[in-house]
Amino acid sequence: MCRTCSWAQIMSGYRESEVIVVCKNTYPNVAVPFTVRECTGFNDKNRPNWKQMQSLAINVAPVRISKRVGFRTEDADTRSEEPESVKDDD
Protein backbone atom coordinates (compact mmCIF):
# COMPACT_ATOMS: atom_id res chain seq x y z
CA MET A 1 0.00 0.00 0.00
CA CYS A 2 2.86 2.39 0.74
CA ARG A 3 4.24 2.00 -2.79
CA THR A 4 1.28 3.95 -4.21
CA CYS A 5 0.97 6.49 -1.36
CA SER A 6 2.13 10.06 -1.92
CA TRP A 7 3.21 10.33 1.75
CA ALA A 8 5.68 7.45 1.51
CA GLN A 9 9.41 7.73 1.02
CA ILE A 10 10.62 4.33 -0.16
CA MET A 11 14.25 3.29 -0.44
CA SER A 12 14.94 -0.07 -2.10
CA GLY A 13 18.10 -2.09 -2.34
CA TYR A 14 19.03 -4.85 -4.75
CA ARG A 15 17.29 -7.59 -2.75
CA GLU A 16 13.59 -7.76 -2.11
CA SER A 17 14.26 -7.64 1.65
CA GLU A 18 16.25 -4.39 1.34
CA VAL A 19 13.40 -1.89 1.63
CA ILE A 20 13.01 1.04 4.01
CA VAL A 21 9.68 2.87 4.11
CA VAL A 22 9.31 6.22 5.85
CA CYS A 23 5.83 7.68 6.33
CA LYS A 24 5.85 11.48 5.97
CA ASN A 25 2.18 11.83 6.99
CA THR A 26 3.10 11.93 10.68
CA TYR A 27 5.27 14.26 12.71
CA PRO A 28 7.94 13.20 13.36
CA ASN A 29 8.23 10.96 10.32
CA VAL A 30 7.93 7.25 11.13
CA ALA A 31 9.92 4.36 9.68
CA VAL A 32 7.50 1.55 8.87
CA PRO A 33 9.08 -1.82 9.72
CA PHE A 34 6.39 -4.01 8.08
CA THR A 35 4.22 -4.26 4.98
CA VAL A 36 1.10 -2.13 5.39
CA ARG A 37 -2.32 -3.65 4.61
CA GLU A 38 -4.54 -0.66 5.55
CA CYS A 39 -3.79 2.97 6.29
CA THR A 40 -6.18 5.78 7.26
CA GLY A 41 -3.78 8.42 5.95
CA PHE A 42 -3.40 6.80 2.51
CA ASN A 43 -3.25 9.29 -0.37
CA ASP A 44 -3.02 7.64 -3.82
CA LYS A 45 -0.25 9.34 -5.79
CA ASN A 46 -1.60 7.94 -9.09
CA ARG A 47 -4.91 9.79 -8.66
CA PRO A 48 -4.92 13.38 -9.98
CA ASN A 49 -5.80 16.22 -7.63
CA TRP A 50 -8.58 18.76 -8.30
CA LYS A 51 -6.33 21.25 -10.12
CA GLN A 52 -4.94 18.54 -12.42
CA MET A 53 -8.46 17.30 -13.21
CA GLN A 54 -9.56 20.84 -14.11
CA SER A 55 -6.62 21.27 -16.47
CA LEU A 56 -7.45 17.95 -18.18
CA ALA A 57 -11.19 18.66 -18.48
CA ILE A 58 -12.81 19.52 -21.80
CA ASN A 59 -15.29 22.41 -21.85
CA VAL A 60 -18.54 21.27 -23.42
CA ALA A 61 -21.03 23.93 -24.47
CA PRO A 62 -24.69 22.94 -24.64
CA VAL A 63 -26.10 22.71 -28.17
CA ARG A 64 -29.60 23.91 -28.95
CA ILE A 65 -31.50 21.77 -31.42
CA SER A 66 -34.19 23.59 -33.38
CA LYS A 67 -35.81 20.37 -34.63
CA ARG A 68 -38.66 18.83 -32.72
CA VAL A 69 -37.82 15.61 -30.98
CA GLY A 70 -39.99 12.51 -31.17
CA PHE A 71 -42.43 10.97 -33.65
CA ARG A 72 -43.94 13.27 -36.26
CA THR A 73 -47.72 12.91 -36.21
CA GLU A 74 -48.81 16.23 -37.77
CA ASP A 75 -47.55 15.21 -41.25
CA ALA A 76 -49.51 11.94 -41.22
CA ASP A 77 -52.85 13.71 -41.84
CA THR A 78 -51.55 15.82 -44.75
CA ARG A 79 -50.11 12.90 -46.72
CA SER A 80 -52.18 11.14 -49.35
CA GLU A 81 -52.99 7.47 -49.01
CA GLU A 82 -50.81 6.48 -51.97
CA PRO A 83 -47.43 7.91 -52.75
CA GLU A 84 -47.36 9.93 -55.99
CA SER A 85 -44.85 7.62 -57.67
CA VAL A 86 -47.27 4.68 -57.37
CA LYS A 87 -50.43 6.38 -58.81
CA ASP A 88 -51.60 5.22 -62.23
CA ASP A 89 -52.24 7.88 -64.90
CA ASP A 90 -54.46 5.63 -67.18
PDB file of N, CA and C in Angstrom:
ATOM      1  N   MET A   1       0.823  -1.177   0.000  1.00  0.00           N
ATOM      2  CA  MET A   1       0.000   0.000   0.000  1.00  0.00           C
ATOM      3  C   MET A   1       0.879   1.256   0.000  1.00  0.00           C
ATOM      4  N   CYS A   2       1.985   1.212   0.659  1.00  0.00           N
ATOM      5  CA  CYS A   2       2.860   2.385   0.740  1.00  0.00           C
ATOM      6  C   CYS A   2       3.486   2.733  -0.614  1.00  0.00           C
ATOM      7  N   ARG A   3       3.626   1.738  -1.484  1.00  0.00           N
ATOM      8  CA  ARG A   3       4.243   1.997  -2.790  1.00  0.00           C
ATOM      9  C   ARG A   3       3.422   2.968  -3.636  1.00  0.00           C
ATOM     10  N   THR A   4       2.123   3.037  -3.427  1.00  0.00           N
ATOM     11  CA  THR A   4       1.278   3.946  -4.206  1.00  0.00           C
ATOM     12  C   THR A   4       0.814   5.154  -3.400  1.00  0.00           C
ATOM     13  N   CYS A   5       1.365   5.358  -2.211  1.00  0.00           N
ATOM     14  CA  CYS A   5       0.966   6.486  -1.358  1.00  0.00           C
ATOM     15  C   CYS A   5       1.888   7.678  -1.611  1.00  0.00           C
ATOM     16  N   SER A   6       1.312   8.867  -1.680  1.00  0.00           N
ATOM     17  CA  SER A   6       2.130  10.060  -1.916  1.00  0.00           C
ATOM     18  C   SER A   6       2.891  10.495  -0.673  1.00  0.00           C
ATOM     19  N   TRP A   7       2.522   9.985   0.501  1.00  0.00           N
ATOM     20  CA  TRP A   7       3.209  10.335   1.748  1.00  0.00           C
ATOM     21  C   TRP A   7       4.443   9.464   1.989  1.00  0.00           C
ATOM     22  N   ALA A   8       4.619   8.410   1.239  1.00  0.00           N
ATOM     23  CA  ALA A   8       5.684   7.446   1.512  1.00  0.00           C
ATOM     24  C   ALA A   8       6.997   7.844   0.845  1.00  0.00           C
ATOM     25  N   GLN A   9       8.066   7.632   1.581  1.00  0.00           N
ATOM     26  CA  GLN A   9       9.407   7.731   1.023  1.00  0.00           C
ATOM     27  C   GLN A   9       9.973   6.320   1.089  1.00  0.00           C
ATOM     28  N   ILE A  10      10.223   5.739  -0.083  1.00  0.00           N
ATOM     29  CA  ILE A  10      10.623   4.334  -0.159  1.00  0.00           C
ATOM     30  C   ILE A  10      12.032   4.251  -0.724  1.00  0.00           C
ATOM     31  N   MET A  11      12.885   3.537   0.006  1.00  0.00           N
ATOM     32  CA  MET A  11      14.252   3.292  -0.443  1.00  0.00           C
ATOM     33  C   MET A  11      14.420   1.793  -0.604  1.00  0.00           C
ATOM     34  N   SER A  12      14.811   1.357  -1.798  1.00  0.00           N
ATOM     35  CA  SER A  12      14.938  -0.067  -2.101  1.00  0.00           C
ATOM     36  C   SER A  12      16.382  -0.401  -2.435  1.00  0.00           C
ATOM     37  N   GLY A  13      16.781  -1.579  -2.005  1.00  0.00           N
ATOM     38  CA  GLY A  13      18.102  -2.094  -2.339  1.00  0.00           C
ATOM     39  C   GLY A  13      17.998  -3.067  -3.494  1.00  0.00           C
ATOM     40  N   TYR A  14      19.019  -3.885  -3.660  1.00  0.00           N
ATOM     41  CA  TYR A  14      19.031  -4.854  -4.746  1.00  0.00           C
ATOM     42  C   TYR A  14      18.209  -6.088  -4.422  1.00  0.00           C
ATOM     43  N   ARG A  15      18.090  -6.431  -3.155  1.00  0.00           N
ATOM     44  CA  ARG A  15      17.289  -7.590  -2.752  1.00  0.00           C
ATOM     45  C   ARG A  15      15.878  -7.139  -2.406  1.00  0.00           C
ATOM     46  N   GLU A  16      14.969  -8.072  -2.446  1.00  0.00           N
ATOM     47  CA  GLU A  16      13.591  -7.762  -2.108  1.00  0.00           C
ATOM     48  C   GLU A  16      13.447  -7.384  -0.631  1.00  0.00           C
ATOM     49  N   SER A  17      14.321  -7.920   0.218  1.00  0.00           N
ATOM     50  CA  SER A  17      14.259  -7.636   1.648  1.00  0.00           C
ATOM     51  C   SER A  17      14.885  -6.284   2.008  1.00  0.00           C
ATOM     52  N   GLU A  18      15.589  -5.663   1.066  1.00  0.00           N
ATOM     53  CA  GLU A  18      16.247  -4.390   1.339  1.00  0.00           C
ATOM     54  C   GLU A  18      15.321  -3.221   0.981  1.00  0.00           C
ATOM     55  N   VAL A  19      14.367  -2.966   1.858  1.00  0.00           N
ATOM     56  CA  VAL A  19      13.402  -1.894   1.632  1.00  0.00           C
ATOM     57  C   VAL A  19      13.211  -1.133   2.936  1.00  0.00           C
ATOM     58  N   ILE A  20      13.311   0.183   2.868  1.00  0.00           N
ATOM     59  CA  ILE A  20      13.015   1.037   4.010  1.00  0.00           C
ATOM     60  C   ILE A  20      11.891   1.976   3.591  1.00  0.00           C
ATOM     61  N   VAL A  21      10.824   2.006   4.386  1.00  0.00           N
ATOM     62  CA  VAL A  21       9.685   2.865   4.108  1.00  0.00           C
ATOM     63  C   VAL A  21       9.573   3.877   5.238  1.00  0.00           C
ATOM     64  N   VAL A  22       9.491   5.152   4.875  1.00  0.00           N
ATOM     65  CA  VAL A  22       9.306   6.223   5.850  1.00  0.00           C
ATOM     66  C   VAL A  22       7.997   6.927   5.521  1.00  0.00           C
ATOM     67  N   CYS A  23       7.118   7.012   6.515  1.00  0.00           N
ATOM     68  CA  CYS A  23       5.830   7.682   6.330  1.00  0.00           C
ATOM     69  C   CYS A  23       5.990   9.149   6.703  1.00  0.00           C
ATOM     70  N   LYS A  24       5.718  10.044   5.734  1.00  0.00           N
ATOM     71  CA  LYS A  24       5.853  11.479   5.966  1.00  0.00           C
ATOM     72  C   LYS A  24       4.520  12.124   6.343  1.00  0.00           C
ATOM     73  N   ASN A  25       3.491  11.310   6.608  1.00  0.00           N
ATOM     74  CA  ASN A  25       2.179  11.826   6.993  1.00  0.00           C
ATOM     75  C   ASN A  25       2.118  12.132   8.484  1.00  0.00           C
ATOM     76  N   THR A  26       3.081  11.707   9.236  1.00  0.00           N
ATOM     77  CA  THR A  26       3.100  11.930  10.681  1.00  0.00           C
ATOM     78  C   THR A  26       4.255  12.849  11.050  1.00  0.00           C
ATOM     79  N   TYR A  27       4.146  13.455  12.218  1.00  0.00           N
ATOM     80  CA  TYR A  27       5.265  14.255  12.715  1.00  0.00           C
ATOM     81  C   TYR A  27       5.655  13.729  14.075  1.00  0.00           C
ATOM     82  N   PRO A  28       6.829  13.332  14.318  1.00  0.00           N
ATOM     83  CA  PRO A  28       7.935  13.203  13.365  1.00  0.00           C
ATOM     84  C   PRO A  28       7.688  12.028  12.421  1.00  0.00           C
ATOM     85  N   ASN A  29       8.381  12.035  11.301  1.00  0.00           N
ATOM     86  CA  ASN A  29       8.231  10.964  10.318  1.00  0.00           C
ATOM     87  C   ASN A  29       8.554   9.616  10.949  1.00  0.00           C
ATOM     88  N   VAL A  30       7.815   8.579  10.515  1.00  0.00           N
ATOM     89  CA  VAL A  30       7.933   7.254  11.129  1.00  0.00           C
ATOM     90  C   VAL A  30       8.461   6.255  10.110  1.00  0.00           C
ATOM     91  N   ALA A  31       9.446   5.466  10.512  1.00  0.00           N
ATOM     92  CA  ALA A  31       9.917   4.361   9.679  1.00  0.00           C
ATOM     93  C   ALA A  31       8.956   3.192   9.884  1.00  0.00           C
ATOM     94  N   VAL A  32       8.463   2.639   8.800  1.00  0.00           N
ATOM     95  CA  VAL A  32       7.498   1.547   8.871  1.00  0.00           C
ATOM     96  C   VAL A  32       8.253   0.229   8.717  1.00  0.00           C
ATOM     97  N   PRO A  33       8.281  -0.603   9.769  1.00  0.00           N
ATOM     98  CA  PRO A  33       9.085  -1.822   9.723  1.00  0.00           C
ATOM     99  C   PRO A  33       8.370  -3.035   9.124  1.00  0.00           C
ATOM    100  N   PHE A  34       7.164  -2.876   8.594  1.00  0.00           N
ATOM    101  CA  PHE A  34       6.393  -4.007   8.083  1.00  0.00           C
ATOM    102  C   PHE A  34       5.596  -3.567   6.859  1.00  0.00           C
ATOM    103  N   THR A  35       5.057  -4.543   6.138  1.00  0.00           N
ATOM    104  CA  THR A  35       4.221  -4.255   4.980  1.00  0.00           C
ATOM    105  C   THR A  35       2.845  -3.816   5.459  1.00  0.00           C
ATOM    106  N   VAL A  36       2.354  -2.712   4.934  1.00  0.00           N
ATOM    107  CA  VAL A  36       1.095  -2.133   5.386  1.00  0.00           C
ATOM    108  C   VAL A  36      -0.059  -2.690   4.562  1.00  0.00           C
ATOM    109  N   ARG A  37      -1.117  -3.143   5.266  1.00  0.00           N
ATOM    110  CA  ARG A  37      -2.320  -3.650   4.611  1.00  0.00           C
ATOM    111  C   ARG A  37      -3.376  -2.559   4.489  1.00  0.00           C
ATOM    112  N   GLU A  38      -3.573  -1.761   5.540  1.00  0.00           N
ATOM    113  CA  GLU A  38      -4.540  -0.664   5.547  1.00  0.00           C
ATOM    114  C   GLU A  38      -3.901   0.556   6.180  1.00  0.00           C
ATOM    115  N   CYS A  39      -4.317   1.735   5.725  1.00  0.00           N
ATOM    116  CA  CYS A  39      -3.790   2.975   6.293  1.00  0.00           C
ATOM    117  C   CYS A  39      -4.855   4.048   6.181  1.00  0.00           C
ATOM    118  N   THR A  40      -5.158   4.729   7.294  1.00  0.00           N
ATOM    119  CA  THR A  40      -6.182   5.778   7.264  1.00  0.00           C
ATOM    120  C   THR A  40      -5.660   7.054   6.624  1.00  0.00           C
ATOM    121  N   GLY A  41      -4.355   7.229   6.566  1.00  0.00           N
ATOM    122  CA  GLY A  41      -3.783   8.423   5.952  1.00  0.00           C
ATOM    123  C   GLY A  41      -3.340   8.208   4.520  1.00  0.00           C
ATOM    124  N   PHE A  42      -3.822   7.145   3.883  1.00  0.00           N
ATOM    125  CA  PHE A  42      -3.402   6.800   2.514  1.00  0.00           C
ATOM    126  C   PHE A  42      -3.864   7.871   1.526  1.00  0.00           C
ATOM    127  N   ASN A  43      -2.952   8.313   0.674  1.00  0.00           N
ATOM    128  CA  ASN A  43      -3.249   9.285  -0.374  1.00  0.00           C
ATOM    129  C   ASN A  43      -2.634   8.752  -1.664  1.00  0.00           C
ATOM    130  N   ASP A  44      -3.483   8.293  -2.592  1.00  0.00           N
ATOM    131  CA  ASP A  44      -3.024   7.644  -3.818  1.00  0.00           C
ATOM    132  C   ASP A  44      -2.303   8.655  -4.706  1.00  0.00           C
ATOM    133  N   LYS A  45      -1.022   8.410  -4.976  1.00  0.00           N
ATOM    134  CA  LYS A  45      -0.246   9.342  -5.793  1.00  0.00           C
ATOM    135  C   LYS A  45      -0.559   9.205  -7.282  1.00  0.00           C
ATOM    136  N   ASN A  46      -1.234   8.125  -7.691  1.00  0.00           N
ATOM    137  CA  ASN A  46      -1.602   7.939  -9.092  1.00  0.00           C
ATOM    138  C   ASN A  46      -2.922   8.623  -9.440  1.00  0.00           C
ATOM    139  N   ARG A  47      -3.624   9.112  -8.447  1.00  0.00           N
ATOM    140  CA  ARG A  47      -4.908   9.787  -8.663  1.00  0.00           C
ATOM    141  C   ARG A  47      -4.666  11.290  -8.774  1.00  0.00           C
ATOM    142  N   PRO A  48      -5.177  11.945  -9.831  1.00  0.00           N
ATOM    143  CA  PRO A  48      -4.925  13.381  -9.980  1.00  0.00           C
ATOM    144  C   PRO A  48      -5.685  14.197  -8.940  1.00  0.00           C
ATOM    145  N   ASN A  49      -5.104  15.338  -8.563  1.00  0.00           N
ATOM    146  CA  ASN A  49      -5.801  16.216  -7.626  1.00  0.00           C
ATOM    147  C   ASN A  49      -6.790  17.099  -8.386  1.00  0.00           C
ATOM    148  N   TRP A  50      -7.498  17.957  -7.685  1.00  0.00           N
ATOM    149  CA  TRP A  50      -8.576  18.756  -8.303  1.00  0.00           C
ATOM    150  C   TRP A  50      -8.032  19.685  -9.385  1.00  0.00           C
ATOM    151  N   LYS A  51      -6.905  20.327  -9.143  1.00  0.00           N
ATOM    152  CA  LYS A  51      -6.330  21.251 -10.121  1.00  0.00           C
ATOM    153  C   LYS A  51      -5.900  20.515 -11.388  1.00  0.00           C
ATOM    154  N   GLN A  52      -5.333  19.323 -11.249  1.00  0.00           N
ATOM    155  CA  GLN A  52      -4.942  18.535 -12.416  1.00  0.00           C
ATOM    156  C   GLN A  52      -6.160  18.072 -13.207  1.00  0.00           C
ATOM    157  N   MET A  53      -7.241  17.719 -12.506  1.00  0.00           N
ATOM    158  CA  MET A  53      -8.462  17.305 -13.209  1.00  0.00           C
ATOM    159  C   MET A  53      -9.074  18.470 -13.969  1.00  0.00           C
ATOM    160  N   GLN A  54      -9.034  19.678 -13.410  1.00  0.00           N
ATOM    161  CA  GLN A  54      -9.565  20.844 -14.110  1.00  0.00           C
ATOM    162  C   GLN A  54      -8.755  21.156 -15.359  1.00  0.00           C
ATOM    163  N   SER A  55      -7.446  20.987 -15.290  1.00  0.00           N
ATOM    164  CA  SER A  55      -6.616  21.268 -16.465  1.00  0.00           C
ATOM    165  C   SER A  55      -6.816  20.223 -17.565  1.00  0.00           C
ATOM    166  N   LEU A  56      -7.214  19.002 -17.192  1.00  0.00           N
ATOM    167  CA  LEU A  56      -7.453  17.950 -18.180  1.00  0.00           C
ATOM    168  C   LEU A  56      -8.869  17.977 -18.746  1.00  0.00           C
ATOM    169  N   ALA A  57      -9.776  18.685 -18.085  1.00  0.00           N
ATOM    170  CA  ALA A  57     -11.190  18.657 -18.481  1.00  0.00           C
ATOM    171  C   ALA A  57     -11.416  19.379 -19.806  1.00  0.00           C
ATOM    172  N   ILE A  58     -12.416  18.923 -20.532  1.00  0.00           N
ATOM    173  CA  ILE A  58     -12.810  19.525 -21.799  1.00  0.00           C
ATOM    174  C   ILE A  58     -14.075  20.328 -21.555  1.00  0.00           C
ATOM    175  N   ASN A  59     -14.088  21.590 -21.986  1.00  0.00           N
ATOM    176  CA  ASN A  59     -15.288  22.412 -21.848  1.00  0.00           C
ATOM    177  C   ASN A  59     -16.289  22.023 -22.923  1.00  0.00           C
ATOM    178  N   VAL A  60     -17.489  21.685 -22.500  1.00  0.00           N
ATOM    179  CA  VAL A  60     -18.536  21.268 -23.425  1.00  0.00           C
ATOM    180  C   VAL A  60     -19.666  22.282 -23.333  1.00  0.00           C
ATOM    181  N   ALA A  61     -19.935  22.962 -24.435  1.00  0.00           N
ATOM    182  CA  ALA A  61     -21.026  23.934 -24.469  1.00  0.00           C
ATOM    183  C   ALA A  61     -22.310  23.224 -24.881  1.00  0.00           C
ATOM    184  N   PRO A  62     -23.428  23.569 -24.258  1.00  0.00           N
ATOM    185  CA  PRO A  62     -24.691  22.936 -24.642  1.00  0.00           C
ATOM    186  C   PRO A  62     -25.101  23.368 -26.050  1.00  0.00           C
ATOM    187  N   VAL A  63     -25.683  22.450 -26.795  1.00  0.00           N
ATOM    188  CA  VAL A  63     -26.098  22.712 -28.167  1.00  0.00           C
ATOM    189  C   VAL A  63     -27.613  22.752 -28.206  1.00  0.00           C
ATOM    190  N   ARG A  64     -28.152  23.796 -28.809  1.00  0.00           N
ATOM    191  CA  ARG A  64     -29.603  23.911 -28.952  1.00  0.00           C
ATOM    192  C   ARG A  64     -30.012  23.279 -30.270  1.00  0.00           C
ATOM    193  N   ILE A  65     -30.991  22.444 -30.223  1.00  0.00           N
ATOM    194  CA  ILE A  65     -31.497  21.774 -31.421  1.00  0.00           C
ATOM    195  C   ILE A  65     -32.837  22.409 -31.761  1.00  0.00           C
ATOM    196  N   SER A  66     -32.952  22.916 -32.993  1.00  0.00           N
ATOM    197  CA  SER A  66     -34.192  23.587 -33.383  1.00  0.00           C
ATOM    198  C   SER A  66     -35.250  22.601 -33.865  1.00  0.00           C
ATOM    199  N   LYS A  67     -34.853  21.371 -34.175  1.00  0.00           N
ATOM    200  CA  LYS A  67     -35.809  20.371 -34.628  1.00  0.00           C
ATOM    201  C   LYS A  67     -36.620  19.842 -33.459  1.00  0.00           C
ATOM    202  N   ARG A  68     -37.840  19.450 -33.751  1.00  0.00           N
ATOM    203  CA  ARG A  68     -38.661  18.835 -32.723  1.00  0.00           C
ATOM    204  C   ARG A  68     -38.208  17.401 -32.525  1.00  0.00           C
ATOM    205  N   VAL A  69     -38.276  16.945 -31.322  1.00  0.00           N
ATOM    206  CA  VAL A  69     -37.817  15.609 -30.982  1.00  0.00           C
ATOM    207  C   VAL A  69     -39.018  14.703 -30.819  1.00  0.00           C
ATOM    208  N   GLY A  70     -38.924  13.482 -31.343  1.00  0.00           N
ATOM    209  CA  GLY A  70     -39.988  12.508 -31.173  1.00  0.00           C
ATOM    210  C   GLY A  70     -40.592  12.102 -32.505  1.00  0.00           C
ATOM    211  N   PHE A  71     -41.747  11.417 -32.449  1.00  0.00           N
ATOM    212  CA  PHE A  71     -42.428  10.965 -33.653  1.00  0.00           C
ATOM    213  C   PHE A  71     -43.205  12.122 -34.261  1.00  0.00           C
ATOM    214  N   ARG A  72     -43.188  12.207 -35.584  1.00  0.00           N
ATOM    215  CA  ARG A  72     -43.939  13.266 -36.257  1.00  0.00           C
ATOM    216  C   ARG A  72     -45.333  12.747 -36.568  1.00  0.00           C
ATOM    217  N   THR A  73     -46.336  13.329 -35.965  1.00  0.00           N
ATOM    218  CA  THR A  73     -47.718  12.910 -36.207  1.00  0.00           C
ATOM    219  C   THR A  73     -48.492  13.943 -36.999  1.00  0.00           C
ATOM    220  N   GLU A  74     -48.066  15.210 -37.052  1.00  0.00           N
ATOM    221  CA  GLU A  74     -48.807  16.233 -37.769  1.00  0.00           C
ATOM    222  C   GLU A  74     -48.743  16.032 -39.276  1.00  0.00           C
ATOM    223  N   ASP A  75     -47.675  15.441 -39.814  1.00  0.00           N
ATOM    224  CA  ASP A  75     -47.553  15.212 -41.246  1.00  0.00           C
ATOM    225  C   ASP A  75     -48.374  14.007 -41.705  1.00  0.00           C
ATOM    226  N   ALA A  76     -48.781  13.150 -40.832  1.00  0.00           N
ATOM    227  CA  ALA A  76     -49.508  11.940 -41.216  1.00  0.00           C
ATOM    228  C   ALA A  76     -50.869  12.277 -41.800  1.00  0.00           C
ATOM    229  N   ASP A  77     -51.529  13.321 -41.325  1.00  0.00           N
ATOM    230  CA  ASP A  77     -52.847  13.706 -41.843  1.00  0.00           C
ATOM    231  C   ASP A  77     -52.743  14.388 -43.196  1.00  0.00           C
ATOM    232  N   THR A  78     -51.677  15.079 -43.499  1.00  0.00           N
ATOM    233  CA  THR A  78     -51.552  15.821 -44.751  1.00  0.00           C
ATOM    234  C   THR A  78     -51.080  14.951 -45.901  1.00  0.00           C
ATOM    235  N   ARG A  79     -50.575  13.795 -45.655  1.00  0.00           N
ATOM    236  CA  ARG A  79     -50.108  12.899 -46.719  1.00  0.00           C
ATOM    237  C   ARG A  79     -51.289  12.190 -47.370  1.00  0.00           C
ATOM    238  N   SER A  80     -51.136  11.905 -48.653  1.00  0.00           N
ATOM    239  CA  SER A  80     -52.182  11.139 -49.346  1.00  0.00           C
ATOM    240  C   SER A  80     -52.011   9.660 -49.029  1.00  0.00           C
ATOM    241  N   GLU A  81     -53.012   8.889 -49.331  1.00  0.00           N
ATOM    242  CA  GLU A  81     -52.989   7.470 -49.011  1.00  0.00           C
ATOM    243  C   GLU A  81     -51.940   6.749 -49.826  1.00  0.00           C
ATOM    244  N   GLU A  82     -51.798   7.113 -51.126  1.00  0.00           N
ATOM    245  CA  GLU A  82     -50.813   6.476 -51.974  1.00  0.00           C
ATOM    246  C   GLU A  82     -49.716   7.458 -52.302  1.00  0.00           C
ATOM    247  N   PRO A  83     -48.497   7.027 -52.315  1.00  0.00           N
ATOM    248  CA  PRO A  83     -47.426   7.913 -52.752  1.00  0.00           C
ATOM    249  C   PRO A  83     -47.598   8.265 -54.215  1.00  0.00           C
ATOM    250  N   GLU A  84     -47.147   9.453 -54.631  1.00  0.00           N
ATOM    251  CA  GLU A  84     -47.362   9.932 -55.994  1.00  0.00           C
ATOM    252  C   GLU A  84     -46.650   9.079 -57.035  1.00  0.00           C
ATOM    253  N   SER A  85     -45.592   8.428 -56.705  1.00  0.00           N
ATOM    254  CA  SER A  85     -44.852   7.622 -57.667  1.00  0.00           C
ATOM    255  C   SER A  85     -45.588   6.322 -57.985  1.00  0.00           C
ATOM    256  N   VAL A  86     -46.568   5.921 -57.166  1.00  0.00           N
ATOM    257  CA  VAL A  86     -47.273   4.678 -57.374  1.00  0.00           C
ATOM    258  C   VAL A  86     -48.598   4.903 -58.125  1.00  0.00           C
ATOM    259  N   LYS A  87     -49.135   6.117 -58.174  1.00  0.00           N
ATOM    260  CA  LYS A  87     -50.426   6.382 -58.810  1.00  0.00           C
ATOM    261  C   LYS A  87     -50.385   6.082 -60.299  1.00  0.00           C
ATOM    262  N   ASP A  88     -51.482   5.519 -60.800  1.00  0.00           N
ATOM    263  CA  ASP A  88     -51.602   5.221 -62.229  1.00  0.00           C
ATOM    264  C   ASP A  88     -52.234   6.420 -62.941  1.00  0.00           C
ATOM    265  N   ASP A  89     -51.701   6.783 -64.107  1.00  0.00           N
ATOM    266  CA  ASP A  89     -52.239   7.880 -64.901  1.00  0.00           C
ATOM    267  C   ASP A  89     -53.016   7.356 -66.108  1.00  0.00           C
ATOM    268  N   ASP A  90     -53.747   6.245 -66.048  1.00  0.00           N
ATOM    269  CA  ASP A  90     -54.464   5.634 -67.178  1.00  0.00           C
ATOM    270  C   ASP A  90     -55.645   6.450 -67.580  1.00  0.00           C
TER     271      ASP A  90
END
